[in-house]
Amino acid sequence: MLKQFVFVISFVFCLSAVSLAQDKKEGLKDPHQKSDTVKIQKVDENKGTASKEPWNKVCPVKGNPIEADSPTVEYNGKVYAFCCPGCDTKFEKNPEKYSKNLSEDGKKFVGRK
């Protein structure tokens, strides 16, 4: 009888946990994200949107020099290039923070590494 009771309680607990996890996943929002955010667009070289040259010479995430085949993202009308794949993903999560890491001309990294 005790084994059945423990089994039923465990089963109900597992179902509740799964249900709550699904509800939270769908309703997650970044608390720092503003409702009037600027559109971020990955630049796809095959679709012709890559005709814009990146304005920066160093990565806004790590400060390393960018390469010719670097991933790019368009934000606030500027095309940002990155030192490696992965930096573009970080930039997309918080573009306002990382865009402030570059000097006015995009040639120097002025943020923290």
PDB file of N, CA and C in Angstrom:
ATOM      1  N   MET A   1       0.815  -1.182   0.000  1.00  0.00           N
ATOM      2  CA  MET A   1       0.000   0.000   0.000  1.00  0.00           C
ATOM      3  C   MET A   1       0.868   1.261   0.000  1.00  0.00           C
ATOM      4  N   LEU A   2       1.911   1.270   0.793  1.00  0.00           N
ATOM      5  CA  LEU A   2       2.824   2.406   0.869  1.00  0.00           C
ATOM      6  C   LEU A   2       3.543   2.611  -0.464  1.00  0.00           C
ATOM      7  N   LYS A   3       3.920   1.502  -1.111  1.00  0.00           N
ATOM      8  CA  LYS A   3       4.597   1.596  -2.399  1.00  0.00           C
ATOM      9  C   LYS A   3       3.676   2.228  -3.444  1.00  0.00           C
ATOM     10  N   GLN A   4       2.417   1.861  -3.435  1.00  0.00           N
ATOM     11  CA  GLN A   4       1.468   2.428  -4.382  1.00  0.00           C
ATOM     12  C   GLN A   4       1.270   3.922  -4.127  1.00  0.00           C
ATOM     13  N   PHE A   5       1.197   4.295  -2.889  1.00  0.00           N
ATOM     14  CA  PHE A   5       1.035   5.703  -2.522  1.00  0.00           C
ATOM     15  C   PHE A   5       2.239   6.524  -2.987  1.00  0.00           C
ATOM     16  N   VAL A   6       3.440   6.035  -2.749  1.00  0.00           N
ATOM     17  CA  VAL A   6       4.661   6.735  -3.168  1.00  0.00           C
ATOM     18  C   VAL A   6       4.694   6.828  -4.690  1.00  0.00           C
ATOM     19  N   PHE A   7       4.308   5.761  -5.370  1.00  0.00           N
ATOM     20  CA  PHE A   7       4.289   5.760  -6.829  1.00  0.00           C
ATOM     21  C   PHE A   7       3.319   6.819  -7.367  1.00  0.00           C
ATOM     22  N   VAL A   8       2.124   6.883  -6.820  1.00  0.00           N
ATOM     23  CA  VAL A   8       1.127   7.846  -7.277  1.00  0.00           C
ATOM     24  C   VAL A   8       1.611   9.270  -7.027  1.00  0.00           C
ATOM     25  N   ILE A   9       2.154   9.538  -5.866  1.00  0.00           N
ATOM     26  CA  ILE A   9       2.666  10.877  -5.545  1.00  0.00           C
ATOM     27  C   ILE A   9       3.810  11.246  -6.496  1.00  0.00           C
ATOM     28  N   SER A  10       4.716  10.322  -6.762  1.00  0.00           N
ATOM     29  CA  SER A  10       5.833  10.574  -7.679  1.00  0.00           C
ATOM     30  C   SER A  10       5.315  10.864  -9.080  1.00  0.00           C
ATOM     31  N   PHE A  11       4.342  10.109  -9.523  1.00  0.00           N
ATOM     32  CA  PHE A  11       3.770  10.288 -10.850  1.00  0.00           C
ATOM     33  C   PHE A  11       3.125  11.672 -10.978  1.00  0.00           C
ATOM     34  N   VAL A  12       2.353  12.065  -9.996  1.00  0.00           N
ATOM     35  CA  VAL A  12       1.708  13.384 -10.012  1.00  0.00           C
ATOM     36  C   VAL A  12       2.755  14.499  -9.994  1.00  0.00           C
ATOM     37  N   PHE A  13       3.775  14.341  -9.220  1.00  0.00           N
ATOM     38  CA  PHE A  13       4.852  15.330  -9.148  1.00  0.00           C
ATOM     39  C   PHE A  13       5.530  15.479 -10.506  1.00  0.00           C
ATOM     40  N   CYS A  14       5.857  14.380 -11.171  1.00  0.00           N
ATOM     41  CA  CYS A  14       6.513  14.424 -12.479  1.00  0.00           C
ATOM     42  C   CYS A  14       5.626  15.110 -13.520  1.00  0.00           C
ATOM     43  N   LEU A  15       4.345  14.781 -13.528  1.00  0.00           N
ATOM     44  CA  LEU A  15       3.434  15.423 -14.472  1.00  0.00           C
ATOM     45  C   LEU A  15       3.334  16.925 -14.220  1.00  0.00           C
ATOM     46  N   SER A  16       3.304  17.301 -12.968  1.00  0.00           N
ATOM     47  CA  SER A  16       3.237  18.723 -12.633  1.00  0.00           C
ATOM     48  C   SER A  16       4.491  19.454 -13.078  1.00  0.00           C
ATOM     49  N   ALA A  17       5.629  18.843 -12.861  1.00  0.00           N
ATOM     50  CA  ALA A  17       6.894  19.463 -13.246  1.00  0.00           C
ATOM     51  C   ALA A  17       6.968  19.654 -14.758  1.00  0.00           C
ATOM     52  N   VAL A  18       6.562  18.651 -15.515  1.00  0.00           N
ATOM     53  CA  VAL A  18       6.584  18.754 -16.971  1.00  0.00           C
ATOM     54  C   VAL A  18       5.621  19.838 -17.440  1.00  0.00           C
ATOM     55  N   SER A  19       4.447  19.882 -16.858  1.00  0.00           N
ATOM     56  CA  SER A  19       3.446  20.882 -17.238  1.00  0.00           C
ATOM     57  C   SER A  19       3.946  22.295 -16.950  1.00  0.00           C
ATOM     58  N   LEU A  20       4.530  22.515 -15.801  1.00  0.00           N
ATOM     59  CA  LEU A  20       5.050  23.839 -15.446  1.00  0.00           C
ATOM     60  C   LEU A  20       6.215  24.236 -16.335  1.00  0.00           C
ATOM     61  N   ALA A  21       7.076  23.282 -16.663  1.00  0.00           N
ATOM     62  CA  ALA A  21       8.233  23.579 -17.513  1.00  0.00           C
ATOM     63  C   ALA A  21       7.768  24.027 -18.890  1.00  0.00           C
ATOM     64  N   GLN A  22       6.748  23.401 -19.432  1.00  0.00           N
ATOM     65  CA  GLN A  22       6.245  23.790 -20.744  1.00  0.00           C
ATOM     66  C   GLN A  22       5.599  25.168 -20.690  1.00  0.00           C
ATOM     67  N   ASP A  23       4.853  25.460 -19.657  1.00  0.00           N
ATOM     68  CA  ASP A  23       4.213  26.763 -19.528  1.00  0.00           C
ATOM     69  C   ASP A  23       5.242  27.874 -19.425  1.00  0.00           C
ATOM     70  N   LYS A  24       6.279  27.676 -18.653  1.00  0.00           N
ATOM     71  CA  LYS A  24       7.304  28.698 -18.481  1.00  0.00           C
ATOM     72  C   LYS A  24       8.078  28.912 -19.767  1.00  0.00           C
ATOM     73  N   LYS A  25       8.376  27.844 -20.492  1.00  0.00           N
ATOM     74  CA  LYS A  25       9.158  27.952 -21.707  1.00  0.00           C
ATOM     75  C   LYS A  25       8.438  28.805 -22.742  1.00  0.00           C
ATOM     76  N   GLU A  26       7.128  28.651 -22.864  1.00  0.00           N
ATOM     77  CA  GLU A  26       6.364  29.415 -23.832  1.00  0.00           C
ATOM     78  C   GLU A  26       6.226  30.874 -23.426  1.00  0.00           C
ATOM     79  N   GLY A  27       6.174  31.154 -22.150  1.00  0.00           N
ATOM     80  CA  GLY A  27       5.930  32.508 -21.678  1.00  0.00           C
ATOM     81  C   GLY A  27       7.182  33.278 -21.332  1.00  0.00           C
ATOM     82  N   LEU A  28       8.361  32.725 -21.610  1.00  0.00           N
ATOM     83  CA  LEU A  28       9.594  33.416 -21.246  1.00  0.00           C
ATOM     84  C   LEU A  28       9.782  34.670 -22.084  1.00  0.00           C
ATOM     85  N   LYS A  29      10.135  35.740 -21.430  1.00  0.00           N
ATOM     86  CA  LYS A  29      10.477  36.991 -22.099  1.00  0.00           C
ATOM     87  C   LYS A  29      11.709  37.544 -21.421  1.00  0.00           C
ATOM     88  N   ASP A  30      12.517  38.199 -22.216  1.00  0.00           N
ATOM     89  CA  ASP A  30      13.700  38.833 -21.674  1.00  0.00           C
ATOM     90  C   ASP A  30      13.254  40.088 -20.933  1.00  0.00           C
ATOM     91  N   PRO A  31      13.503  40.187 -19.615  1.00  0.00           N
ATOM     92  CA  PRO A  31      13.045  41.357 -18.871  1.00  0.00           C
ATOM     93  C   PRO A  31      13.741  42.638 -19.304  1.00  0.00           C
ATOM     94  N   HIS A  32      14.883  42.526 -19.982  1.00  0.00           N
ATOM     95  CA  HIS A  32      15.623  43.707 -20.418  1.00  0.00           C
ATOM     96  C   HIS A  32      15.193  44.166 -21.802  1.00  0.00           C
ATOM     97  N   GLN A  33      14.419  43.329 -22.492  1.00  0.00           N
ATOM     98  CA  GLN A  33      14.021  43.659 -23.845  1.00  0.00           C
ATOM     99  C   GLN A  33      12.880  44.663 -23.838  1.00  0.00           C
ATOM    100  N   LYS A  34      13.033  45.728 -24.594  1.00  0.00           N
ATOM    101  CA  LYS A  34      12.008  46.748 -24.686  1.00  0.00           C
ATOM    102  C   LYS A  34      10.973  46.312 -25.717  1.00  0.00           C
ATOM    103  N   SER A  35       9.770  46.814 -25.576  1.00  0.00           N
ATOM    104  CA  SER A  35       8.717  46.450 -26.518  1.00  0.00           C
ATOM    105  C   SER A  35       8.932  47.094 -27.881  1.00  0.00           C
ATOM    106  N   ASP A  36       9.642  48.194 -27.934  1.00  0.00           N
ATOM    107  CA  ASP A  36       9.883  48.880 -29.198  1.00  0.00           C
ATOM    108  C   ASP A  36      11.328  48.667 -29.658  1.00  0.00           C
ATOM    109  N   THR A  37      11.767  47.410 -29.680  1.00  0.00           N
ATOM    110  CA  THR A  37      13.135  47.098 -30.060  1.00  0.00           C
ATOM    111  C   THR A  37      13.336  47.283 -31.548  1.00  0.00           C
ATOM    112  N   VAL A  38      14.572  47.503 -31.924  1.00  0.00           N
ATOM    113  CA  VAL A  38      14.948  47.657 -33.309  1.00  0.00           C
ATOM    114  C   VAL A  38      15.103  46.275 -33.921  1.00  0.00           C
ATOM    115  N   LYS A  39      14.693  46.139 -35.142  1.00  0.00           N
ATOM    116  CA  LYS A  39      14.763  44.845 -35.819  1.00  0.00           C
ATOM    117  C   LYS A  39      16.208  44.469 -36.090  1.00  0.00           C
ATOM    118  N   ILE A  40      16.530  43.219 -35.765  1.00  0.00           N
ATOM    119  CA  ILE A  40      17.861  42.688 -36.030  1.00  0.00           C
ATOM    120  C   ILE A  40      17.726  41.699 -37.169  1.00  0.00           C
ATOM    121  N   GLN A  41      18.613  41.802 -38.147  1.00  0.00           N
ATOM    122  CA  GLN A  41      18.522  40.931 -39.306  1.00  0.00           C
ATOM    123  C   GLN A  41      19.879  40.329 -39.596  1.00  0.00           C
ATOM    124  N   LYS A  42      19.912  38.990 -39.706  1.00  0.00           N
ATOM    125  CA  LYS A  42      21.145  38.342 -40.132  1.00  0.00           C
ATOM    126  C   LYS A  42      21.321  38.624 -41.603  1.00  0.00           C
ATOM    127  N   VAL A  43      22.536  38.950 -41.999  1.00  0.00           N
ATOM    128  CA  VAL A  43      22.810  39.251 -43.392  1.00  0.00           C
ATOM    129  C   VAL A  43      23.137  37.944 -44.101  1.00  0.00           C
ATOM    130  N   ASP A  44      22.349  37.621 -45.103  1.00  0.00           N
ATOM    131  CA  ASP A  44      22.536  36.390 -45.860  1.00  0.00           C
ATOM    132  C   ASP A  44      23.244  36.721 -47.165  1.00  0.00           C
ATOM    133  N   GLU A  45      24.423  36.170 -47.347  1.00  0.00           N
ATOM    134  CA  GLU A  45      25.217  36.478 -48.520  1.00  0.00           C
ATOM    135  C   GLU A  45      24.566  35.973 -49.803  1.00  0.00           C
ATOM    136  N   ASN A  46      23.725  34.950 -49.741  1.00  0.00           N
ATOM    137  CA  ASN A  46      23.096  34.391 -50.928  1.00  0.00           C
ATOM    138  C   ASN A  46      21.888  35.193 -51.391  1.00  0.00           C
ATOM    139  N   LYS A  47      21.332  36.027 -50.543  1.00  0.00           N
ATOM    140  CA  LYS A  47      20.129  36.767 -50.895  1.00  0.00           C
ATOM    141  C   LYS A  47      20.417  38.193 -51.336  1.00  0.00           C
ATOM    142  N   GLY A  48      21.646  38.579 -51.406  1.00  0.00           N
ATOM    143  CA  GLY A  48      21.976  39.895 -51.893  1.00  0.00           C
ATOM    144  C   GLY A  48      21.972  40.981 -50.836  1.00  0.00           C
ATOM    145  N   THR A  49      21.615  40.677 -49.592  1.00  0.00           N
ATOM    146  CA  THR A  49      21.607  41.714 -48.565  1.00  0.00           C
ATOM    147  C   THR A  49      22.996  41.961 -48.014  1.00  0.00           C
ATOM    148  N   ALA A  50      23.964  41.163 -48.438  1.00  0.00           N
ATOM    149  CA  ALA A  50      25.323  41.321 -47.935  1.00  0.00           C
ATOM    150  C   ALA A  50      26.108  42.337 -48.750  1.00  0.00           C
ATOM    151  N   SER A  51      25.437  43.071 -49.634  1.00  0.00           N
ATOM    152  CA  SER A  51      26.135  44.062 -50.433  1.00  0.00           C
ATOM    153  C   SER A  51      26.668  45.189 -49.551  1.00  0.00           C
ATOM    154  N   LYS A  52      26.102  45.335 -48.376  1.00  0.00           N
ATOM    155  CA  LYS A  52      26.594  46.334 -47.436  1.00  0.00           C
ATOM    156  C   LYS A  52      27.840  45.787 -46.756  1.00  0.00           C
ATOM    157  N   GLU A  53      28.850  46.591 -46.716  1.00  0.00           N
ATOM    158  CA  GLU A  53      30.087  46.211 -46.041  1.00  0.00           C
ATOM    159  C   GLU A  53      29.936  46.463 -44.553  1.00  0.00           C
ATOM    160  N   PRO A  54      30.527  45.616 -43.726  1.00  0.00           N
ATOM    161  CA  PRO A  54      30.472  45.887 -42.286  1.00  0.00           C
ATOM    162  C   PRO A  54      31.219  47.178 -41.969  1.00  0.00           C
ATOM    163  N   TRP A  55      30.668  47.945 -41.072  1.00  0.00           N
ATOM    164  CA  TRP A  55      31.281  49.237 -40.740  1.00  0.00           C
ATOM    165  C   TRP A  55      32.369  49.091 -39.685  1.00  0.00           C
ATOM    166  N   ASN A  56      32.336  47.999 -38.929  1.00  0.00           N
ATOM    167  CA  ASN A  56      33.315  47.832 -37.848  1.00  0.00           C
ATOM    168  C   ASN A  56      34.516  47.011 -38.313  1.00  0.00           C
ATOM    169  N   LYS A  57      35.638  47.232 -37.665  1.00  0.00           N
ATOM    170  CA  LYS A  57      36.874  46.504 -37.972  1.00  0.00           C
ATOM    171  C   LYS A  57      37.241  45.510 -36.878  1.00  0.00           C
ATOM    172  N   VAL A  58      36.613  45.641 -35.709  1.00  0.00           N
ATOM    173  CA  VAL A  58      36.834  44.715 -34.598  1.00  0.00           C
ATOM    174  C   VAL A  58      35.487  44.180 -34.117  1.00  0.00           C
ATOM    175  N   CYS A  59      35.517  43.010 -33.521  1.00  0.00           N
ATOM    176  CA  CYS A  59      34.308  42.355 -33.028  1.00  0.00           C
ATOM    177  C   CYS A  59      33.739  43.133 -31.837  1.00  0.00           C
ATOM    178  N   PRO A  60      32.437  43.442 -31.853  1.00  0.00           N
ATOM    179  CA  PRO A  60      31.857  44.171 -30.731  1.00  0.00           C
ATOM    180  C   PRO A  60      31.674  43.313 -29.474  1.00  0.00           C
ATOM    181  N   VAL A  61      31.860  42.002 -29.592  1.00  0.00           N
ATOM    182  CA  VAL A  61      31.695  41.121 -28.438  1.00  0.00           C
ATOM    183  C   VAL A  61      33.037  40.858 -27.760  1.00  0.00           C
ATOM    184  N   LYS A  62      34.058  40.468 -28.541  1.00  0.00           N
ATOM    185  CA  LYS A  62      35.356  40.108 -27.959  1.00  0.00           C
ATOM    186  C   LYS A  62      36.468  41.111 -28.235  1.00  0.00           C
ATOM    187  N   GLY A  63      36.309  41.953 -29.233  1.00  0.00           N
ATOM    188  CA  GLY A  63      37.339  42.934 -29.547  1.00  0.00           C
ATOM    189  C   GLY A  63      38.405  42.437 -30.510  1.00  0.00           C
ATOM    190  N   ASN A  64      38.262  41.219 -31.016  1.00  0.00           N
ATOM    191  CA  ASN A  64      39.229  40.668 -31.974  1.00  0.00           C
ATOM    192  C   ASN A  64      38.979  41.240 -33.366  1.00  0.00           C
ATOM    193  N   PRO A  65      40.006  41.256 -34.226  1.00  0.00           N
ATOM    194  CA  PRO A  65      39.798  41.731 -35.604  1.00  0.00           C
ATOM    195  C   PRO A  65      38.805  40.823 -36.339  1.00  0.00           C
ATOM    196  N   ILE A  66      38.038  41.420 -37.240  1.00  0.00           N
ATOM    197  CA  ILE A  66      37.094  40.627 -38.016  1.00  0.00           C
ATOM    198  C   ILE A  66      37.794  40.070 -39.253  1.00  0.00           C
ATOM    199  N   GLU A  67      37.269  38.972 -39.769  1.00  0.00           N
ATOM    200  CA  GLU A  67      37.812  38.328 -40.958  1.00  0.00           C
ATOM    201  C   GLU A  67      36.885  38.604 -42.142  1.00  0.00           C
ATOM    202  N   ALA A  68      37.349  38.296 -43.348  1.00  0.00           N
ATOM    203  CA  ALA A  68      36.555  38.533 -44.551  1.00  0.00           C
ATOM    204  C   ALA A  68      35.284  37.683 -44.571  1.00  0.00           C
ATOM    205  N   ASP A  69      35.353  36.477 -44.036  1.00  0.00           N
ATOM    206  CA  ASP A  69      34.198  35.580 -44.053  1.00  0.00           C
ATOM    207  C   ASP A  69      33.460  35.560 -42.712  1.00  0.00           C
ATOM    208  N   SER A  70      33.558  36.635 -41.963  1.00  0.00           N
ATOM    209  CA  SER A  70      32.925  36.731 -40.646  1.00  0.00           C
ATOM    210  C   SER A  70      31.411  36.748 -40.764  1.00  0.00           C
ATOM    211  N   PRO A  71      30.717  36.190 -39.757  1.00  0.00           N
ATOM    212  CA  PRO A  71      29.259  36.319 -39.735  1.00  0.00           C
ATOM    213  C   PRO A  71      28.877  37.781 -39.524  1.00  0.00           C
ATOM    214  N   THR A  72      27.747  38.196 -40.093  1.00  0.00           N
ATOM    215  CA  THR A  72      27.314  39.586 -39.979  1.00  0.00           C
ATOM    216  C   THR A  72      25.856  39.664 -39.551  1.00  0.00           C
ATOM    217  N   VAL A  73      25.524  40.776 -38.904  1.00  0.00           N
ATOM    218  CA  VAL A  73      24.163  41.061 -38.457  1.00  0.00           C
ATOM    219  C   VAL A  73      23.896  42.532 -38.705  1.00  0.00           C
ATOM    220  N   GLU A  74      22.695  42.852 -39.185  1.00  0.00           N
ATOM    221  CA  GLU A  74      22.331  44.254 -39.384  1.00  0.00           C
ATOM    222  C   GLU A  74      21.535  44.728 -38.179  1.00  0.00           C
ATOM    223  N   TYR A  75      21.951  45.846 -37.609  1.00  0.00           N
ATOM    224  CA  TYR A  75      21.292  46.429 -36.438  1.00  0.00           C
ATOM    225  C   TYR A  75      21.349  47.936 -36.551  1.00  0.00           C
ATOM    226  N   ASN A  76      20.224  48.598 -36.402  1.00  0.00           N
ATOM    227  CA  ASN A  76      20.122  50.063 -36.494  1.00  0.00           C
ATOM    228  C   ASN A  76      20.702  50.605 -37.795  1.00  0.00           C
ATOM    229  N   GLY A  77      20.497  49.899 -38.877  1.00  0.00           N
ATOM    230  CA  GLY A  77      20.960  50.363 -40.179  1.00  0.00           C
ATOM    231  C   GLY A  77      22.435  50.136 -40.443  1.00  0.00           C
ATOM    232  N   LYS A  78      23.150  49.502 -39.528  1.00  0.00           N
ATOM    233  CA  LYS A  78      24.573  49.215 -39.707  1.00  0.00           C
ATOM    234  C   LYS A  78      24.771  47.708 -39.762  1.00  0.00           C
ATOM    235  N   VAL A  79      25.735  47.290 -40.567  1.00  0.00           N
ATOM    236  CA  VAL A  79      26.080  45.873 -40.639  1.00  0.00           C
ATOM    237  C   VAL A  79      27.283  45.645 -39.733  1.00  0.00           C
ATOM    238  N   TYR A  80      27.096  44.790 -38.727  1.00  0.00           N
ATOM    239  CA  TYR A  80      28.151  44.445 -37.780  1.00  0.00           C
ATOM    240  C   TYR A  80      28.751  43.109 -38.183  1.00  0.00           C
ATOM    241  N   ALA A  81      30.064  43.017 -38.206  1.00  0.00           N
ATOM    242  CA  ALA A  81      30.764  41.761 -38.456  1.00  0.00           C
ATOM    243  C   ALA A  81      31.403  41.300 -37.150  1.00  0.00           C
ATOM    244  N   PHE A  82      31.709  40.003 -37.074  1.00  0.00           N
ATOM    245  CA  PHE A  82      32.201  39.413 -35.831  1.00  0.00           C
ATOM    246  C   PHE A  82      33.444  38.573 -36.103  1.00  0.00           C
ATOM    247  N   CYS A  83      34.188  38.295 -35.039  1.00  0.00           N
ATOM    248  CA  CYS A  83      35.435  37.550 -35.186  1.00  0.00           C
ATOM    249  C   CYS A  83      35.196  36.063 -35.415  1.00  0.00           C
ATOM    250  N   CYS A  84      34.078  35.546 -34.947  1.00  0.00           N
ATOM    251  CA  CYS A  84      33.818  34.112 -35.066  1.00  0.00           C
ATOM    252  C   CYS A  84      32.328  33.825 -34.929  1.00  0.00           C
ATOM    253  N   PRO A  85      31.902  32.650 -35.424  1.00  0.00           N
ATOM    254  CA  PRO A  85      30.508  32.269 -35.189  1.00  0.00           C
ATOM    255  C   PRO A  85      30.277  32.123 -33.683  1.00  0.00           C
ATOM    256  N   GLY A  86      29.163  32.550 -33.225  1.00  0.00           N
ATOM    257  CA  GLY A  86      28.875  32.537 -31.793  1.00  0.00           C
ATOM    258  C   GLY A  86      28.796  33.948 -31.258  1.00  0.00           C
ATOM    259  N   CYS A  87      29.687  34.796 -31.715  1.00  0.00           N
ATOM    260  CA  CYS A  87      29.631  36.199 -31.296  1.00  0.00           C
ATOM    261  C   CYS A  87      28.385  36.859 -31.872  1.00  0.00           C
ATOM    262  N   ASP A  88      27.990  36.465 -33.082  1.00  0.00           N
ATOM    263  CA  ASP A  88      26.790  37.036 -33.680  1.00  0.00           C
ATOM    264  C   ASP A  88      25.549  36.672 -32.866  1.00  0.00           C
ATOM    265  N   THR A  89      25.521  35.463 -32.323  1.00  0.00           N
ATOM    266  CA  THR A  89      24.396  35.025 -31.500  1.00  0.00           C
ATOM    267  C   THR A  89      24.335  35.820 -30.200  1.00  0.00           C
ATOM    268  N   LYS A  90      25.511  36.026 -29.574  1.00  0.00           N
ATOM    269  CA  LYS A  90      25.550  36.828 -28.347  1.00  0.00           C
ATOM    270  C   LYS A  90      25.086  38.256 -28.628  1.00  0.00           C
ATOM    271  N   PHE A  91      25.543  38.804 -29.747  1.00  0.00           N
ATOM    272  CA  PHE A  91      25.171  40.163 -30.124  1.00  0.00           C
ATOM    273  C   PHE A  91      23.660  40.277 -30.308  1.00  0.00           C
ATOM    274  N   GLU A  92      23.052  39.291 -30.941  1.00  0.00           N
ATOM    275  CA  GLU A  92      21.611  39.328 -31.188  1.00  0.00           C
ATOM    276  C   GLU A  92      20.807  39.316 -29.893  1.00  0.00           C
ATOM    277  N   LYS A  93      21.344  38.694 -28.851  1.00  0.00           N
ATOM    278  CA  LYS A  93      20.635  38.636 -27.579  1.00  0.00           C
ATOM    279  C   LYS A  93      20.616  39.986 -26.870  1.00  0.00           C
ATOM    280  N   ASN A  94      21.657  40.801 -27.061  1.00  0.00           N
ATOM    281  CA  ASN A  94      21.729  42.103 -26.401  1.00  0.00           C
ATOM    282  C   ASN A  94      22.513  43.078 -27.285  1.00  0.00           C
ATOM    283  N   PRO A  95      21.940  43.480 -28.419  1.00  0.00           N
ATOM    284  CA  PRO A  95      22.692  44.325 -29.359  1.00  0.00           C
ATOM    285  C   PRO A  95      23.037  45.704 -28.811  1.00  0.00           C
ATOM    286  N   GLU A  96      22.188  46.253 -27.974  1.00  0.00           N
ATOM    287  CA  GLU A  96      22.458  47.586 -27.428  1.00  0.00           C
ATOM    288  C   GLU A  96      23.733  47.578 -26.584  1.00  0.00           C
ATOM    289  N   LYS A  97      23.892  46.539 -25.775  1.00  0.00           N
ATOM    290  CA  LYS A  97      25.070  46.420 -24.910  1.00  0.00           C
ATOM    291  C   LYS A  97      26.345  46.297 -25.743  1.00  0.00           C
ATOM    292  N   TYR A  98      26.326  45.381 -26.706  1.00  0.00           N
ATOM    293  CA  TYR A  98      27.541  45.113 -27.464  1.00  0.00           C
ATOM    294  C   TYR A  98      27.872  46.208 -28.476  1.00  0.00           C
ATOM    295  N   SER A  99      26.869  46.891 -28.999  1.00  0.00           N
ATOM    296  CA  SER A  99      27.158  47.957 -29.954  1.00  0.00           C
ATOM    297  C   SER A  99      27.887  49.123 -29.274  1.00  0.00           C
ATOM    298  N   LYS A 100      27.712  49.264 -27.961  1.00  0.00           N
ATOM    299  CA  LYS A 100      28.412  50.318 -27.213  1.00  0.00           C
ATOM    300  C   LYS A 100      29.883  49.979 -26.985  1.00  0.00           C
ATOM    301  N   ASN A 101      30.290  48.740 -27.279  1.00  0.00           N
ATOM    302  CA  ASN A 101      31.681  48.336 -27.076  1.00  0.00           C
ATOM    303  C   ASN A 101      32.619  48.850 -28.160  1.00  0.00           C
ATOM    304  N   LEU A 102      32.073  49.464 -29.203  1.00  0.00           N
ATOM    305  CA  LEU A 102      32.902  49.938 -30.307  1.00  0.00           C
ATOM    306  C   LEU A 102      33.021  51.456 -30.286  1.00  0.00           C
ATOM    307  N   SER A 103      34.163  51.934 -30.788  1.00  0.00           N
ATOM    308  CA  SER A 103      34.354  53.381 -30.909  1.00  0.00           C
ATOM    309  C   SER A 103      33.410  53.921 -31.979  1.00  0.00           C
ATOM    310  N   GLU A 104      33.336  55.242 -32.114  1.00  0.00           N
ATOM    311  CA  GLU A 104      32.434  55.886 -33.076  1.00  0.00           C
ATOM    312  C   GLU A 104      32.680  55.411 -34.504  1.00  0.00           C
ATOM    313  N   ASP A 105      33.942  55.151 -34.856  1.00  0.00           N
ATOM    314  CA  ASP A 105      34.257  54.719 -36.208  1.00  0.00           C
ATOM    315  C   ASP A 105      34.291  53.201 -36.362  1.00  0.00           C
ATOM    316  N   GLY A 106      34.137  52.459 -35.270  1.00  0.00           N
ATOM    317  CA  GLY A 106      34.106  50.998 -35.328  1.00  0.00           C
ATOM    318  C   GLY A 106      35.468  50.349 -35.458  1.00  0.00           C
ATOM    319  N   LYS A 107      36.523  51.122 -35.278  1.00  0.00           N
ATOM    320  CA  LYS A 107      37.877  50.584 -35.458  1.00  0.00           C
ATOM    321  C   LYS A 107      38.522  50.137 -34.153  1.00  0.00           C
ATOM    322  N   LYS A 108      37.967  50.566 -33.020  1.00  0.00           N
ATOM    323  CA  LYS A 108      38.550  50.221 -31.721  1.00  0.00           C
ATOM    324  C   LYS A 108      37.504  49.630 -30.811  1.00  0.00           C
ATOM    325  N   PHE A 109      37.941  48.692 -30.000  1.00  0.00           N
ATOM    326  CA  PHE A 109      37.092  48.084 -28.972  1.00  0.00           C
ATOM    327  C   PHE A 109      37.267  48.913 -27.703  1.00  0.00           C
ATOM    328  N   VAL A 110      36.183  49.512 -27.226  1.00  0.00           N
ATOM    329  CA  VAL A 110      36.281  50.366 -26.042  1.00  0.00           C
ATOM    330  C   VAL A 110      35.571  49.768 -24.836  1.00  0.00           C
ATOM    331  N   GLY A 111      34.989  48.583 -25.005  1.00  0.00           N
ATOM    332  CA  GLY A 111      34.273  47.934 -23.908  1.00  0.00           C
ATOM    333  C   GLY A 111      35.187  47.056 -23.083  1.00  0.00           C
ATOM    334  N   ARG A 112      34.572  46.266 -22.211  1.00  0.00           N
ATOM    335  CA  ARG A 112      35.327  45.336 -21.372  1.00  0.00           C
ATOM    336  C   ARG A 112      35.369  43.971 -22.039  1.00  0.00           C
ATOM    337  N   LYS A 113      36.491  43.310 -21.934  1.00  0.00           N
ATOM    338  CA  LYS A 113      36.633  41.954 -22.474  1.00  0.00           C
ATOM    339  C   LYS A 113      36.274  40.949 -21.449  1.00  0.00           C
TER     340      LYS A 113
END
